[in-house]
Amino acid sequence: MSSAQDLRKRIKSVTNTQQITKAMKMVASARLRRAQQKAKGTEPYTERLRHMLHQSMSSLDGGADLPLLTVRPVNKVAYVVVGADKGLAGAYTSNIIKYVQSLLKDTPTDAYGLFTVGRKPTEYFTGHGYSVVSELQGFSDKPGFHHAQDIVEQVKTMFLSGEVDEVVLVYTKFVNSLLQEVTHERLLPLSLESDTAENGESLFYPDQGSVLEQLLPAYVESTVYNALLHGAASELGARMTAMTSATDNAGELIGTLHLEYNKLRQAGITNEISEIVGGANALQ
């Protein structure tokens, strides 16, 4: 049985931990709102680009001549895995890792390459013998558009050079602070088939092919940037939920420890009173 001194130390330690988790919850909550606004704000732009590209490609002759649309036999796939740099975010990182493992099940090592974004997935996949061909770290919870451009530049070079035949983007889609869904989509070669494309005609200057050469990379960059923002919002949402749970659990533990401490203290007082009464009776 713990002594009163040990219980006081544990209560103090858990109280300090609770203060830390509560502060982390408040910080994550404040940053989550901004990240959520950014993630939702980029979606209309990306969707509009998709409509424009689908509309123009449907009437383009020789569209297969555009390198980013070239479909070839898939011998090697590059997976861009968007993860977190920091922990204390519940099952956020483990869900991504499990999802990637399910995609790579029974896949030979020479048939894929991982492009990891974030320190946590990089450490895991590197340490467990997976084929990691490139990595970026340090911005998972505060991505900028230039980070998306860096990623696209690297994977585009790998695709155009024939090093890989397909690029797949794996990220966590933010639904709300309690729900984040890991998903994937093919990034390259681009496939813009959609049933929601708008009807109508557009005029292109100087010509349709030149405009598409500029719009296609912009669309890829916008897609990656949107995935990074969703990943940031998902990480912060998962961290806020995890820290809320940790704060509540710490409060329950403190209550239990206080009850145990009071019982021990009461037992000590009762024992002292019994000794005093016994001593007084012995003197009579």
C-alpha atoms as a PDB file:
ATOM      1  CA  MET A   1       0.000   0.000   0.000  1.00  0.00           C
ATOM      2  CA  SER A   2       1.289   3.481  -0.972  1.00  0.00           C
ATOM      3  CA  SER A   3       2.278   5.894   1.740  1.00  0.00           C
ATOM      4  CA  ALA A   4       0.736   9.352   2.099  1.00  0.00           C
ATOM      5  CA  GLN A   5       3.922  10.922   0.764  1.00  0.00           C
ATOM      6  CA  ASP A   6       3.869   8.726  -2.344  1.00  0.00           C
ATOM      7  CA  LEU A   7       0.237   9.612  -2.989  1.00  0.00           C
ATOM      8  CA  ARG A   8       0.962  13.336  -2.669  1.00  0.00           C
ATOM      9  CA  LYS A   9       3.776  13.000  -5.210  1.00  0.00           C
ATOM     10  CA  ARG A  10       1.532  11.113  -7.632  1.00  0.00           C
ATOM     11  CA  ILE A  11      -1.253  13.683  -7.270  1.00  0.00           C
ATOM     12  CA  LYS A  12       1.200  16.490  -7.991  1.00  0.00           C
ATOM     13  CA  SER A  13       2.652  14.648 -10.985  1.00  0.00           C
ATOM     14  CA  VAL A  14      -0.747  13.859 -12.538  1.00  0.00           C
ATOM     15  CA  THR A  15      -1.913  17.441 -11.906  1.00  0.00           C
ATOM     16  CA  ASN A  16       1.123  18.779 -13.790  1.00  0.00           C
ATOM     17  CA  THR A  17       0.418  16.373 -16.646  1.00  0.00           C
ATOM     18  CA  GLN A  18      -3.216  17.482 -16.732  1.00  0.00           C
ATOM     19  CA  GLN A  19      -2.154  21.117 -17.045  1.00  0.00           C
ATOM     20  CA  ILE A  20       0.057  20.218 -20.015  1.00  0.00           C
ATOM     21  CA  THR A  21      -2.624  18.191 -21.824  1.00  0.00           C
ATOM     22  CA  LYS A  22      -5.195  20.925 -21.198  1.00  0.00           C
ATOM     23  CA  ALA A  23      -2.872  23.539 -22.687  1.00  0.00           C
ATOM     24  CA  MET A  24      -2.181  21.323 -25.711  1.00  0.00           C
ATOM     25  CA  LYS A  25      -5.917  20.793 -26.195  1.00  0.00           C
ATOM     26  CA  MET A  26      -6.556  24.548 -26.208  1.00  0.00           C
ATOM     27  CA  VAL A  27      -3.710  25.225 -28.645  1.00  0.00           C
ATOM     28  CA  ALA A  28      -4.854  22.456 -30.997  1.00  0.00           C
ATOM     29  CA  SER A  29      -8.433  23.708 -30.802  1.00  0.00           C
ATOM     30  CA  ALA A  30      -7.440  27.251 -31.748  1.00  0.00           C
ATOM     31  CA  ARG A  31      -5.225  26.106 -34.623  1.00  0.00           C
ATOM     32  CA  LEU A  32      -7.817  23.606 -35.830  1.00  0.00           C
ATOM     33  CA  ARG A  33     -10.313  26.318 -36.696  1.00  0.00           C
ATOM     34  CA  ARG A  34      -7.809  28.076 -38.940  1.00  0.00           C
ATOM     35  CA  ALA A  35      -6.667  24.811 -40.541  1.00  0.00           C
ATOM     36  CA  GLN A  36     -10.265  23.762 -41.182  1.00  0.00           C
ATOM     37  CA  GLN A  37     -11.051  27.082 -42.855  1.00  0.00           C
ATOM     38  CA  LYS A  38      -8.017  26.739 -45.121  1.00  0.00           C
ATOM     39  CA  ALA A  39      -8.858  23.132 -46.036  1.00  0.00           C
ATOM     40  CA  LYS A  40     -12.445  23.999 -46.901  1.00  0.00           C
ATOM     41  CA  GLY A  41     -11.397  27.201 -48.664  1.00  0.00           C
ATOM     42  CA  THR A  42      -9.200  25.475 -51.256  1.00  0.00           C
ATOM     43  CA  GLU A  43     -11.797  22.908 -52.307  1.00  0.00           C
ATOM     44  CA  PRO A  44     -13.897  25.210 -54.564  1.00  0.00           C
ATOM     45  CA  TYR A  45     -10.768  26.309 -56.454  1.00  0.00           C
ATOM     46  CA  THR A  46      -9.601  22.720 -56.970  1.00  0.00           C
ATOM     47  CA  GLU A  47     -13.069  21.582 -58.007  1.00  0.00           C
ATOM     48  CA  ARG A  48     -13.406  24.456 -60.464  1.00  0.00           C
ATOM     49  CA  LEU A  49     -10.054  23.565 -61.992  1.00  0.00           C
ATOM     50  CA  ARG A  50     -11.281  19.990 -62.348  1.00  0.00           C
ATOM     51  CA  HIS A  51     -14.391  21.142 -64.209  1.00  0.00           C
ATOM     52  CA  MET A  52     -12.385  23.376 -66.535  1.00  0.00           C
ATOM     53  CA  LEU A  53      -9.869  20.651 -67.332  1.00  0.00           C
ATOM     54  CA  HIS A  54     -12.531  18.024 -67.911  1.00  0.00           C
ATOM     55  CA  GLN A  55     -14.450  20.379 -70.167  1.00  0.00           C
ATOM     56  CA  SER A  56     -11.413  21.278 -72.259  1.00  0.00           C
ATOM     57  CA  MET A  57     -10.002  17.745 -72.446  1.00  0.00           C
ATOM     58  CA  SER A  58     -13.293  16.305 -73.666  1.00  0.00           C
ATOM     59  CA  SER A  59     -12.930  18.293 -76.882  1.00  0.00           C
ATOM     60  CA  LEU A  60      -9.150  18.209 -77.230  1.00  0.00           C
ATOM     61  CA  ASP A  61      -7.660  16.299 -80.138  1.00  0.00           C
ATOM     62  CA  GLY A  62      -4.410  14.497 -79.382  1.00  0.00           C
ATOM     63  CA  GLY A  63      -4.802  14.878 -75.627  1.00  0.00           C
ATOM     64  CA  ALA A  64      -2.582  11.829 -75.108  1.00  0.00           C
ATOM     65  CA  ASP A  65       0.397  13.953 -76.234  1.00  0.00           C
ATOM     66  CA  LEU A  66       0.297  15.786 -72.903  1.00  0.00           C
ATOM     67  CA  PRO A  67       2.917  14.053 -70.699  1.00  0.00           C
ATOM     68  CA  LEU A  68       0.932  14.265 -67.466  1.00  0.00           C
ATOM     69  CA  LEU A  69      -1.962  12.390 -69.105  1.00  0.00           C
ATOM     70  CA  THR A  70       0.122   9.567 -70.541  1.00  0.00           C
ATOM     71  CA  VAL A  71      -1.081   6.183 -69.320  1.00  0.00           C
ATOM     72  CA  ARG A  72       1.409   3.339 -69.543  1.00  0.00           C
ATOM     73  CA  PRO A  73       1.756  -0.173 -68.081  1.00  0.00           C
ATOM     74  CA  VAL A  74       2.283   0.101 -64.331  1.00  0.00           C
ATOM     75  CA  ASN A  75       5.551  -1.478 -63.249  1.00  0.00           C
ATOM     76  CA  LYS A  76       6.328   0.807 -60.325  1.00  0.00           C
ATOM     77  CA  VAL A  77       4.099   3.062 -58.205  1.00  0.00           C
ATOM     78  CA  ALA A  78       5.134   6.021 -56.064  1.00  0.00           C
ATOM     79  CA  TYR A  79       2.997   6.555 -52.966  1.00  0.00           C
ATOM     80  CA  VAL A  80       2.998  10.074 -51.519  1.00  0.00           C
ATOM     81  CA  VAL A  81       2.131   9.470 -47.833  1.00  0.00           C
ATOM     82  CA  VAL A  82       1.017  12.586 -45.941  1.00  0.00           C
ATOM     83  CA  GLY A  83       1.570  12.090 -42.198  1.00  0.00           C
ATOM     84  CA  ALA A  84       2.546  13.971 -39.044  1.00  0.00           C
ATOM     85  CA  ASP A  85       5.792  15.337 -37.653  1.00  0.00           C
ATOM     86  CA  LYS A  86       4.667  15.061 -34.020  1.00  0.00           C
ATOM     87  CA  GLY A  87       2.942  12.502 -31.845  1.00  0.00           C
ATOM     88  CA  LEU A  88       0.272  12.852 -29.157  1.00  0.00           C
ATOM     89  CA  ALA A  89      -2.431  12.746 -31.821  1.00  0.00           C
ATOM     90  CA  GLY A  90      -4.212   9.538 -30.925  1.00  0.00           C
ATOM     91  CA  ALA A  91      -4.410   6.969 -33.730  1.00  0.00           C
ATOM     92  CA  TYR A  92      -3.774   9.511 -36.506  1.00  0.00           C
ATOM     93  CA  THR A  93      -0.364   8.193 -37.546  1.00  0.00           C
ATOM     94  CA  SER A  94      -1.121   4.523 -36.921  1.00  0.00           C
ATOM     95  CA  ASN A  95      -4.229   4.730 -39.135  1.00  0.00           C
ATOM     96  CA  ILE A  96      -2.141   6.080 -42.016  1.00  0.00           C
ATOM     97  CA  ILE A  97       0.505   3.395 -41.538  1.00  0.00           C
ATOM     98  CA  LYS A  98      -2.082   0.606 -41.488  1.00  0.00           C
ATOM     99  CA  TYR A  99      -3.743   1.998 -44.616  1.00  0.00           C
ATOM    100  CA  VAL A 100      -0.456   2.124 -46.534  1.00  0.00           C
ATOM    101  CA  GLN A 101       0.377  -1.404 -45.392  1.00  0.00           C
ATOM    102  CA  SER A 102      -2.961  -2.602 -46.771  1.00  0.00           C
ATOM    103  CA  LEU A 103      -2.177  -0.950 -50.128  1.00  0.00           C
ATOM    104  CA  LEU A 104       1.277  -2.549 -50.235  1.00  0.00           C
ATOM    105  CA  LYS A 105       0.143  -6.012 -49.158  1.00  0.00           C
ATOM    106  CA  ASP A 106       1.948  -8.685 -51.226  1.00  0.00           C
ATOM    107  CA  THR A 107       3.640  -5.962 -53.334  1.00  0.00           C
ATOM    108  CA  PRO A 108       7.333  -6.612 -54.166  1.00  0.00           C
ATOM    109  CA  THR A 109       9.781  -4.012 -52.880  1.00  0.00           C
ATOM    110  CA  ASP A 110      10.932  -3.079 -56.390  1.00  0.00           C
ATOM    111  CA  ALA A 111       7.336  -2.386 -57.510  1.00  0.00           C
ATOM    112  CA  TYR A 112       6.793   0.685 -55.330  1.00  0.00           C
ATOM    113  CA  GLY A 113       8.491   3.641 -53.679  1.00  0.00           C
ATOM    114  CA  LEU A 114       7.319   5.719 -50.742  1.00  0.00           C
ATOM    115  CA  PHE A 115       7.475   9.511 -50.696  1.00  0.00           C
ATOM    116  CA  THR A 116       6.831  10.289 -47.033  1.00  0.00           C
ATOM    117  CA  VAL A 117       5.691  13.664 -45.732  1.00  0.00           C
ATOM    118  CA  GLY A 118       6.154  13.936 -41.963  1.00  0.00           C
ATOM    119  CA  ARG A 119       8.668  12.580 -39.460  1.00  0.00           C
ATOM    120  CA  LYS A 120       6.439   9.866 -37.958  1.00  0.00           C
ATOM    121  CA  PRO A 121       5.689   7.872 -41.136  1.00  0.00           C
ATOM    122  CA  THR A 122       9.275   8.377 -42.291  1.00  0.00           C
ATOM    123  CA  GLU A 123      10.684   6.878 -39.092  1.00  0.00           C
ATOM    124  CA  TYR A 124       8.279   3.935 -39.188  1.00  0.00           C
ATOM    125  CA  PHE A 125       8.671   2.947 -42.828  1.00  0.00           C
ATOM    126  CA  THR A 126      12.430   3.485 -42.819  1.00  0.00           C
ATOM    127  CA  GLY A 127      12.842   1.461 -39.628  1.00  0.00           C
ATOM    128  CA  HIS A 128      10.698  -1.429 -40.904  1.00  0.00           C
ATOM    129  CA  GLY A 129      12.477  -1.956 -44.199  1.00  0.00           C
ATOM    130  CA  TYR A 130      10.062  -0.279 -46.608  1.00  0.00           C
ATOM    131  CA  SER A 131      11.361   1.356 -49.783  1.00  0.00           C
ATOM    132  CA  VAL A 132      11.421   5.088 -48.977  1.00  0.00           C
ATOM    133  CA  VAL A 133      12.702   7.006 -52.004  1.00  0.00           C
ATOM    134  CA  SER A 134      12.210  10.550 -50.686  1.00  0.00           C
ATOM    135  CA  GLU A 135      10.996  12.429 -47.616  1.00  0.00           C
ATOM    136  CA  LEU A 136       9.980  15.874 -46.413  1.00  0.00           C
ATOM    137  CA  GLN A 137       9.523  16.961 -42.796  1.00  0.00           C
ATOM    138  CA  GLY A 138       8.836  19.932 -40.570  1.00  0.00           C
ATOM    139  CA  PHE A 139       5.536  21.368 -41.817  1.00  0.00           C
ATOM    140  CA  SER A 140       2.805  18.766 -41.309  1.00  0.00           C
ATOM    141  CA  ASP A 141       0.624  21.011 -39.102  1.00  0.00           C
ATOM    142  CA  LYS A 142       1.339  24.259 -40.988  1.00  0.00           C
ATOM    143  CA  PRO A 143       1.809  23.475 -44.698  1.00  0.00           C
ATOM    144  CA  GLY A 144       2.300  26.169 -47.313  1.00  0.00           C
ATOM    145  CA  PHE A 145       1.654  26.125 -51.036  1.00  0.00           C
ATOM    146  CA  HIS A 146       5.403  26.025 -51.712  1.00  0.00           C
ATOM    147  CA  HIS A 147       5.546  22.687 -49.893  1.00  0.00           C
ATOM    148  CA  ALA A 148       2.979  21.305 -52.317  1.00  0.00           C
ATOM    149  CA  GLN A 149       5.016  22.681 -55.219  1.00  0.00           C
ATOM    150  CA  ASP A 150       8.152  20.940 -53.914  1.00  0.00           C
ATOM    151  CA  ILE A 151       6.314  17.616 -53.664  1.00  0.00           C
ATOM    152  CA  VAL A 152       4.775  17.944 -57.126  1.00  0.00           C
ATOM    153  CA  GLU A 153       8.101  18.899 -58.680  1.00  0.00           C
ATOM    154  CA  GLN A 154       9.763  15.763 -57.324  1.00  0.00           C
ATOM    155  CA  VAL A 155       7.009  13.297 -58.203  1.00  0.00           C
ATOM    156  CA  LYS A 156       6.466  14.911 -61.605  1.00  0.00           C
ATOM    157  CA  THR A 157      10.160  14.470 -62.397  1.00  0.00           C
ATOM    158  CA  MET A 158       9.978  10.815 -61.338  1.00  0.00           C
ATOM    159  CA  PHE A 159       6.879  10.253 -63.489  1.00  0.00           C
ATOM    160  CA  LEU A 160       8.092  12.048 -66.612  1.00  0.00           C
ATOM    161  CA  SER A 161      11.490  10.337 -66.469  1.00  0.00           C
ATOM    162  CA  GLY A 162       9.818   6.921 -66.340  1.00  0.00           C
ATOM    163  CA  GLU A 163      11.208   6.122 -62.895  1.00  0.00           C
ATOM    164  CA  VAL A 164       7.619   5.456 -61.810  1.00  0.00           C
ATOM    165  CA  ASP A 165       4.538   4.783 -63.926  1.00  0.00           C
ATOM    166  CA  GLU A 166       1.922   5.972 -61.462  1.00  0.00           C
ATOM    167  CA  VAL A 167       1.773   8.321 -58.473  1.00  0.00           C
ATOM    168  CA  VAL A 168      -0.789   7.734 -55.703  1.00  0.00           C
ATOM    169  CA  LEU A 169      -1.568  10.294 -53.000  1.00  0.00           C
ATOM    170  CA  VAL A 170      -2.403   8.915 -49.523  1.00  0.00           C
ATOM    171  CA  TYR A 171      -3.739  11.383 -46.975  1.00  0.00           C
ATOM    172  CA  THR A 172      -6.324  11.824 -44.220  1.00  0.00           C
ATOM    173  CA  LYS A 173      -9.515  13.619 -45.211  1.00  0.00           C
ATOM    174  CA  PHE A 174     -10.860  15.870 -42.482  1.00  0.00           C
ATOM    175  CA  VAL A 175     -14.558  15.343 -41.751  1.00  0.00           C
ATOM    176  CA  ASN A 176     -14.794  16.820 -38.260  1.00  0.00           C
ATOM    177  CA  SER A 177     -12.738  16.941 -35.078  1.00  0.00           C
ATOM    178  CA  LEU A 178     -13.904  13.439 -34.129  1.00  0.00           C
ATOM    179  CA  LEU A 179     -13.736  11.805 -37.558  1.00  0.00           C
ATOM    180  CA  GLN A 180     -10.845  11.714 -40.018  1.00  0.00           C
ATOM    181  CA  GLU A 181     -10.817   9.239 -42.920  1.00  0.00           C
ATOM    182  CA  VAL A 182      -7.643   7.946 -44.560  1.00  0.00           C
ATOM    183  CA  THR A 183      -8.082   7.821 -48.324  1.00  0.00           C
ATOM    184  CA  HIS A 184      -6.054   7.700 -51.541  1.00  0.00           C
ATOM    185  CA  GLU A 185      -6.347   8.916 -55.111  1.00  0.00           C
ATOM    186  CA  ARG A 186      -4.288   8.632 -58.263  1.00  0.00           C
ATOM    187  CA  LEU A 187      -2.285  11.806 -58.762  1.00  0.00           C
ATOM    188  CA  LEU A 188      -0.438  10.921 -61.982  1.00  0.00           C
ATOM    189  CA  PRO A 189      -1.312  10.230 -64.715  1.00  0.00           C
ATOM    190  CA  LEU A 190      -4.236  12.578 -64.366  1.00  0.00           C
ATOM    191  CA  SER A 191      -7.704  11.161 -64.768  1.00  0.00           C
ATOM    192  CA  LEU A 192     -10.381  13.827 -64.741  1.00  0.00           C
ATOM    193  CA  GLU A 193     -13.476  11.885 -65.693  1.00  0.00           C
ATOM    194  CA  SER A 194     -16.421  13.348 -63.817  1.00  0.00           C
ATOM    195  CA  ASP A 195     -20.193  13.155 -64.040  1.00  0.00           C
ATOM    196  CA  THR A 196     -20.504  16.640 -62.567  1.00  0.00           C
ATOM    197  CA  ALA A 197     -18.696  18.538 -65.303  1.00  0.00           C
ATOM    198  CA  GLU A 198     -20.493  21.633 -66.461  1.00  0.00           C
ATOM    199  CA  ASN A 199     -21.805  21.883 -69.984  1.00  0.00           C
ATOM    200  CA  GLY A 200     -20.871  24.718 -72.303  1.00  0.00           C
ATOM    201  CA  GLU A 201     -17.980  25.874 -74.436  1.00  0.00           C
ATOM    202  CA  SER A 202     -14.848  27.772 -73.466  1.00  0.00           C
ATOM    203  CA  LEU A 203     -12.483  29.844 -75.565  1.00  0.00           C
ATOM    204  CA  PHE A 204      -8.735  29.302 -75.157  1.00  0.00           C
ATOM    205  CA  TYR A 205      -5.884  31.642 -76.022  1.00  0.00           C
ATOM    206  CA  PRO A 206      -3.418  31.160 -77.615  1.00  0.00           C
ATOM    207  CA  ASP A 207      -4.657  27.574 -78.032  1.00  0.00           C
ATOM    208  CA  GLN A 208      -6.215  24.765 -76.026  1.00  0.00           C
ATOM    209  CA  GLY A 209      -3.049  22.678 -75.740  1.00  0.00           C
ATOM    210  CA  SER A 210      -0.951  25.564 -74.387  1.00  0.00           C
ATOM    211  CA  VAL A 211      -3.541  26.410 -71.773  1.00  0.00           C
ATOM    212  CA  LEU A 212      -3.748  22.780 -70.660  1.00  0.00           C
ATOM    213  CA  GLU A 213       0.020  22.591 -70.297  1.00  0.00           C
ATOM    214  CA  GLN A 214      -0.279  25.334 -67.678  1.00  0.00           C
ATOM    215  CA  LEU A 215      -3.489  24.164 -66.024  1.00  0.00           C
ATOM    216  CA  LEU A 216      -2.512  20.517 -65.534  1.00  0.00           C
ATOM    217  CA  PRO A 217       0.484  21.202 -63.211  1.00  0.00           C
ATOM    218  CA  ALA A 218      -1.587  23.834 -61.395  1.00  0.00           C
ATOM    219  CA  TYR A 219      -4.319  21.282 -60.799  1.00  0.00           C
ATOM    220  CA  VAL A 220      -1.837  18.717 -59.459  1.00  0.00           C
ATOM    221  CA  GLU A 221      -0.315  21.317 -57.110  1.00  0.00           C
ATOM    222  CA  SER A 222      -3.770  22.364 -55.923  1.00  0.00           C
ATOM    223  CA  THR A 223      -4.719  18.728 -55.257  1.00  0.00           C
ATOM    224  CA  VAL A 224      -1.570  18.101 -53.204  1.00  0.00           C
ATOM    225  CA  TYR A 225      -1.974  21.372 -51.310  1.00  0.00           C
ATOM    226  CA  ASN A 226      -5.569  20.484 -50.456  1.00  0.00           C
ATOM    227  CA  ALA A 227      -4.382  17.077 -49.197  1.00  0.00           C
ATOM    228  CA  LEU A 228      -1.715  18.745 -47.022  1.00  0.00           C
ATOM    229  CA  LEU A 229      -4.331  21.083 -45.526  1.00  0.00           C
ATOM    230  CA  HIS A 230      -6.700  18.210 -44.842  1.00  0.00           C
ATOM    231  CA  GLY A 231      -3.819  16.336 -43.234  1.00  0.00           C
ATOM    232  CA  ALA A 232      -2.990  19.335 -41.014  1.00  0.00           C
ATOM    233  CA  ALA A 233      -6.617  19.740 -39.941  1.00  0.00           C
ATOM    234  CA  SER A 234      -6.916  16.003 -39.297  1.00  0.00           C
ATOM    235  CA  GLU A 235      -3.731  15.967 -37.206  1.00  0.00           C
ATOM    236  CA  LEU A 236      -4.886  18.913 -35.095  1.00  0.00           C
ATOM    237  CA  GLY A 237      -8.376  17.437 -34.728  1.00  0.00           C
ATOM    238  CA  ALA A 238      -6.963  14.097 -33.633  1.00  0.00           C
ATOM    239  CA  ARG A 239      -4.601  15.824 -31.199  1.00  0.00           C
ATOM    240  CA  MET A 240      -7.397  17.935 -29.716  1.00  0.00           C
ATOM    241  CA  THR A 241      -9.541  14.821 -29.207  1.00  0.00           C
ATOM    242  CA  ALA A 242      -6.636  12.874 -27.704  1.00  0.00           C
ATOM    243  CA  MET A 243      -5.684  15.709 -25.335  1.00  0.00           C
ATOM    244  CA  THR A 244      -9.325  16.154 -24.283  1.00  0.00           C
ATOM    245  CA  SER A 245      -9.486  12.468 -23.395  1.00  0.00           C
ATOM    246  CA  ALA A 246      -6.125  12.630 -21.598  1.00  0.00           C
ATOM    247  CA  THR A 247      -7.242  15.672 -19.582  1.00  0.00           C
ATOM    248  CA  ASP A 248     -10.470  13.954 -18.549  1.00  0.00           C
ATOM    249  CA  ASN A 249      -8.630  10.751 -17.613  1.00  0.00           C
ATOM    250  CA  ALA A 250      -6.128  12.747 -15.552  1.00  0.00           C
ATOM    251  CA  GLY A 251      -8.993  14.407 -13.690  1.00  0.00           C
ATOM    252  CA  GLU A 252     -10.545  11.027 -12.887  1.00  0.00           C
ATOM    253  CA  LEU A 253      -7.185   9.686 -11.703  1.00  0.00           C
ATOM    254  CA  ILE A 254      -6.634  12.726  -9.495  1.00  0.00           C
ATOM    255  CA  GLY A 255     -10.047  12.172  -7.924  1.00  0.00           C
ATOM    256  CA  THR A 256      -9.236   8.505  -7.271  1.00  0.00           C
ATOM    257  CA  LEU A 257      -5.858   9.402  -5.767  1.00  0.00           C
ATOM    258  CA  HIS A 258      -7.415  12.072  -3.539  1.00  0.00           C
ATOM    259  CA  LEU A 259      -9.964   9.538  -2.289  1.00  0.00           C
ATOM    260  CA  GLU A 260      -7.232   7.009  -1.541  1.00  0.00           C
ATOM    261  CA  TYR A 261      -5.136   9.690   0.169  1.00  0.00           C
ATOM    262  CA  ASN A 262      -8.070  10.800   2.333  1.00  0.00           C
ATOM    263  CA  LYS A 263      -8.821   7.194   3.301  1.00  0.00           C
ATOM    264  CA  LEU A 264      -5.192   6.640   4.276  1.00  0.00           C
ATOM    265  CA  ARG A 265      -5.104   9.895   6.216  1.00  0.00           C
ATOM    266  CA  GLN A 266      -8.363   9.054   8.001  1.00  0.00           C
ATOM    267  CA  ALA A 267      -7.048   5.616   8.877  1.00  0.00           C
ATOM    268  CA  GLY A 268      -3.935   7.206  10.372  1.00  0.00           C
ATOM    269  CA  ILE A 269      -5.995   9.650  12.431  1.00  0.00           C
ATOM    270  CA  THR A 270      -8.282   6.858  13.636  1.00  0.00           C
ATOM    271  CA  ASN A 271      -5.271   4.774  14.630  1.00  0.00           C
ATOM    272  CA  GLU A 272      -3.749   7.679  16.583  1.00  0.00           C
ATOM    273  CA  ILE A 273      -7.057   8.311  18.423  1.00  0.00           C
ATOM    274  CA  SER A 274      -7.285   4.608  19.289  1.00  0.00           C
ATOM    275  CA  GLU A 275      -3.750   4.675  20.708  1.00  0.00           C
ATOM    276  CA  ILE A 276      -4.510   7.806  22.781  1.00  0.00           C
ATOM    277  CA  VAL A 277      -7.725   6.298  24.139  1.00  0.00           C
ATOM    278  CA  GLY A 278      -5.966   3.010  24.893  1.00  0.00           C
ATOM    279  CA  GLY A 279      -3.176   4.824  26.706  1.00  0.00           C
ATOM    280  CA  ALA A 280      -5.664   6.844  28.784  1.00  0.00           C
ATOM    281  CA  ASN A 281      -7.557   3.725  29.758  1.00  0.00           C
ATOM    282  CA  ALA A 282      -4.329   2.044  30.802  1.00  0.00           C
ATOM    283  CA  LEU A 283      -3.529   4.906  33.212  1.00  0.00           C
ATOM    284  CA  GLN A 284      -6.881   4.629  35.012  1.00  0.00           C
END
